[in-house]
Amino acid sequence: MDLANLNAFIAIAETGSFSGAAERLFLTQPAISKRIASIEQQLKLRLFDRLGREVSLTEAGRALLPRAYQILNVLDDTRRALNNLNGEVSGRLTLATSHHIGLHRLPPLLREFTRTYPKVALDIQFLDSEVAYEEILHGRAELAVITLAPEPHSL
């Protein structure tokens, strides 16, 4: 099981479709299907139920999803920790923000950030505030700039 296959699995789970995952990952739909077939073959389990164009997670898929997030988060944390040893700020920073803030308030700040830290790849996701908050809770984003205070959430 490799990281590209896990990313494809997560993208399908999040978008609800193979074509949506392909679009998100800039791949073809057959490439996504091949990656999922590889994981399913290795695990000897089906991860998705497919009814026409609708896709839903099987019990095995639901069990794998949080672990797939954990694997990717641990890998990102490891890369960050090792890069920090040499004092270099690099890697990927996933920023979730509302459309208004992202388009009207953040551009000058992000310009300065990218000048100061050119080796950091920004992954900016334009989301509703509630969804951005959930992205933080699930470890899919490191930073969120939102407009509404969410309901308190017990961790």
Protein backbone atom coordinates (compact mmCIF):
# COMPACT_ATOMS: atom_id res chain seq x y z
CA MET A 1 0.00 0.00 0.00
CA ASP A 2 1.63 3.26 -1.04
CA LEU A 3 0.88 6.91 -0.36
CA ALA A 4 -0.45 7.65 -3.84
CA ASN A 5 -3.00 4.87 -3.41
CA LEU A 6 -3.98 6.14 0.04
CA ASN A 7 -4.42 9.65 -1.35
CA ALA A 8 -6.69 8.26 -4.06
CA PHE A 9 -8.70 6.34 -1.46
CA ILE A 10 -9.15 9.46 0.68
CA ALA A 11 -10.09 11.59 -2.33
CA ILE A 12 -12.83 9.14 -3.34
CA ALA A 13 -14.13 8.97 0.23
CA GLU A 14 -14.24 12.78 0.44
CA THR A 15 -15.67 13.51 -3.01
CA GLY A 16 -17.98 10.51 -3.20
CA SER A 17 -16.87 9.58 -6.70
CA PHE A 18 -13.96 8.23 -8.69
CA SER A 19 -14.26 11.04 -11.24
CA GLY A 20 -14.30 13.67 -8.47
CA ALA A 21 -11.18 12.13 -6.96
CA ALA A 22 -9.51 12.08 -10.38
CA GLU A 23 -10.30 15.76 -10.87
CA ARG A 24 -9.00 16.66 -7.40
CA LEU A 25 -5.75 14.74 -7.88
CA PHE A 26 -5.26 15.76 -11.53
CA LEU A 27 -5.37 12.15 -12.69
CA THR A 28 -7.58 10.16 -15.03
CA GLN A 29 -10.50 8.17 -13.67
CA PRO A 30 -8.90 4.87 -14.84
CA ALA A 31 -5.71 5.77 -12.91
CA ILE A 32 -7.79 6.27 -9.76
CA SER A 33 -9.59 2.96 -10.35
CA LYS A 34 -6.25 1.19 -10.77
CA ARG A 35 -4.97 2.61 -7.48
CA ILE A 36 -8.05 1.45 -5.60
CA ALA A 37 -7.89 -1.98 -7.25
CA SER A 38 -4.30 -2.25 -6.03
CA ILE A 39 -5.24 -1.48 -2.41
CA GLU A 40 -8.25 -3.81 -2.52
CA GLN A 41 -6.10 -6.59 -3.96
CA GLN A 42 -3.43 -6.12 -1.28
CA LEU A 43 -5.99 -6.07 1.53
CA LYS A 44 -8.21 -8.73 -0.07
CA LEU A 45 -11.16 -6.51 0.86
CA ARG A 46 -13.48 -4.20 -1.03
CA LEU A 47 -13.27 -0.61 0.17
CA PHE A 48 -16.18 0.84 -1.81
CA ASP A 49 -19.66 -0.26 -2.80
CA ARG A 50 -20.38 0.91 -6.31
CA LEU A 51 -23.97 1.38 -7.47
CA GLY A 52 -23.86 3.00 -10.88
CA ARG A 53 -22.10 6.31 -10.37
CA GLU A 54 -22.71 6.32 -6.62
CA VAL A 55 -19.86 5.23 -4.37
CA SER A 56 -20.00 4.54 -0.64
CA LEU A 57 -17.49 3.14 1.81
CA THR A 58 -17.79 -0.48 2.87
CA GLU A 59 -17.19 -1.45 6.49
CA ALA A 60 -13.53 -2.04 5.59
CA GLY A 61 -13.38 1.37 3.91
CA ARG A 62 -14.84 3.05 6.98
CA ALA A 63 -12.22 1.29 9.13
CA LEU A 64 -9.37 2.32 6.81
CA LEU A 65 -10.32 5.99 6.38
CA PRO A 66 -9.26 7.34 9.81
CA ARG A 67 -6.09 5.27 9.65
CA ALA A 68 -5.28 6.60 6.18
CA TYR A 69 -5.60 10.15 7.54
CA GLN A 70 -3.33 9.21 10.46
CA ILE A 71 -0.69 7.71 8.15
CA LEU A 72 -0.57 10.82 5.97
CA ASN A 73 -0.54 13.13 9.01
CA VAL A 74 2.31 11.20 10.64
CA LEU A 75 4.29 11.34 7.41
CA ASP A 76 3.72 15.11 7.11
CA ASP A 77 4.70 15.62 10.76
CA THR A 78 7.84 13.53 10.25
CA ARG A 79 8.86 15.54 7.20
CA ARG A 80 8.29 18.77 9.11
CA ALA A 81 10.27 17.57 12.13
CA LEU A 82 13.21 16.49 10.01
CA ASN A 83 13.18 19.71 8.01
CA ASN A 84 13.12 21.68 11.26
CA LEU A 85 16.39 20.05 12.30
CA ASN A 86 18.27 21.99 9.65
CA GLY A 87 16.39 25.21 10.40
CA GLU A 88 14.72 25.21 7.02
CA VAL A 89 11.03 26.07 6.80
CA SER A 90 9.66 23.94 3.98
CA GLY A 91 6.97 21.46 3.11
CA ARG A 92 3.26 21.85 2.52
CA LEU A 93 0.91 24.04 4.54
CA THR A 94 -2.78 23.36 4.06
CA LEU A 95 -4.82 26.49 4.68
CA ALA A 96 -8.62 26.38 4.74
CA THR A 97 -10.37 29.72 4.39
CA SER A 98 -13.71 31.22 3.49
CA HIS A 99 -14.04 32.67 0.00
CA HIS A 100 -14.39 36.26 1.18
CA ILE A 101 -11.33 36.23 3.43
CA GLY A 102 -9.30 34.18 0.95
CA LEU A 103 -10.00 36.50 -1.95
CA HIS A 104 -10.09 39.89 -0.24
CA ARG A 105 -7.97 39.79 2.92
CA LEU A 106 -5.33 37.08 2.61
CA PRO A 107 -3.57 37.84 -0.72
CA PRO A 108 -1.14 40.47 0.65
CA LEU A 109 -0.35 38.29 3.68
CA LEU A 110 0.15 35.20 1.54
CA ARG A 111 2.39 37.13 -0.87
CA GLU A 112 4.62 38.13 2.05
CA PHE A 113 4.54 34.60 3.46
CA THR A 114 5.64 33.06 0.14
CA ARG A 115 8.44 35.63 -0.17
CA THR A 116 9.65 34.88 3.35
CA TYR A 117 9.25 31.09 3.06
CA PRO A 118 9.70 30.19 -0.62
CA LYS A 119 10.11 26.47 0.10
CA VAL A 120 6.65 26.17 1.64
CA ALA A 121 3.99 24.98 -0.79
CA LEU A 122 0.64 26.51 0.12
CA ASP A 123 -2.42 24.35 -0.41
CA ILE A 124 -5.32 26.80 -0.13
CA GLN A 125 -8.82 25.37 0.18
CA PHE A 126 -11.80 27.69 -0.17
CA LEU A 127 -14.49 26.29 2.12
CA ASP A 128 -17.43 27.34 4.24
CA SER A 129 -16.31 28.23 7.75
CA GLU A 130 -17.96 25.17 9.30
CA VAL A 131 -16.28 22.85 6.80
CA ALA A 132 -12.91 24.54 7.34
CA TYR A 133 -13.30 23.97 11.07
CA GLU A 134 -13.99 20.27 10.44
CA GLU A 135 -10.87 20.08 8.25
CA ILE A 136 -8.80 21.23 11.24
CA LEU A 137 -10.49 18.75 13.59
CA HIS A 138 -9.80 15.86 11.22
CA GLY A 139 -6.19 16.87 10.57
CA ARG A 140 -6.75 17.64 6.89
CA ALA A 141 -5.67 21.28 7.29
CA GLU A 142 -3.07 22.87 9.54
CA LEU A 143 -4.57 26.35 9.56
CA ALA A 144 -8.05 27.78 9.01
CA VAL A 145 -9.12 31.40 8.69
CA ILE A 146 -12.88 31.49 9.18
CA THR A 147 -15.58 34.07 9.72
CA LEU A 148 -17.95 32.34 12.12
CA ALA A 149 -17.23 30.94 15.55
CA PRO A 150 -18.07 27.23 15.49
CA GLU A 151 -20.03 25.43 18.17
CA PRO A 152 -17.74 24.16 20.93
CA HIS A 153 -16.44 20.70 20.09
CA SER A 154 -15.20 18.22 22.65
CA LEU A 155 -12.08 16.41 21.47
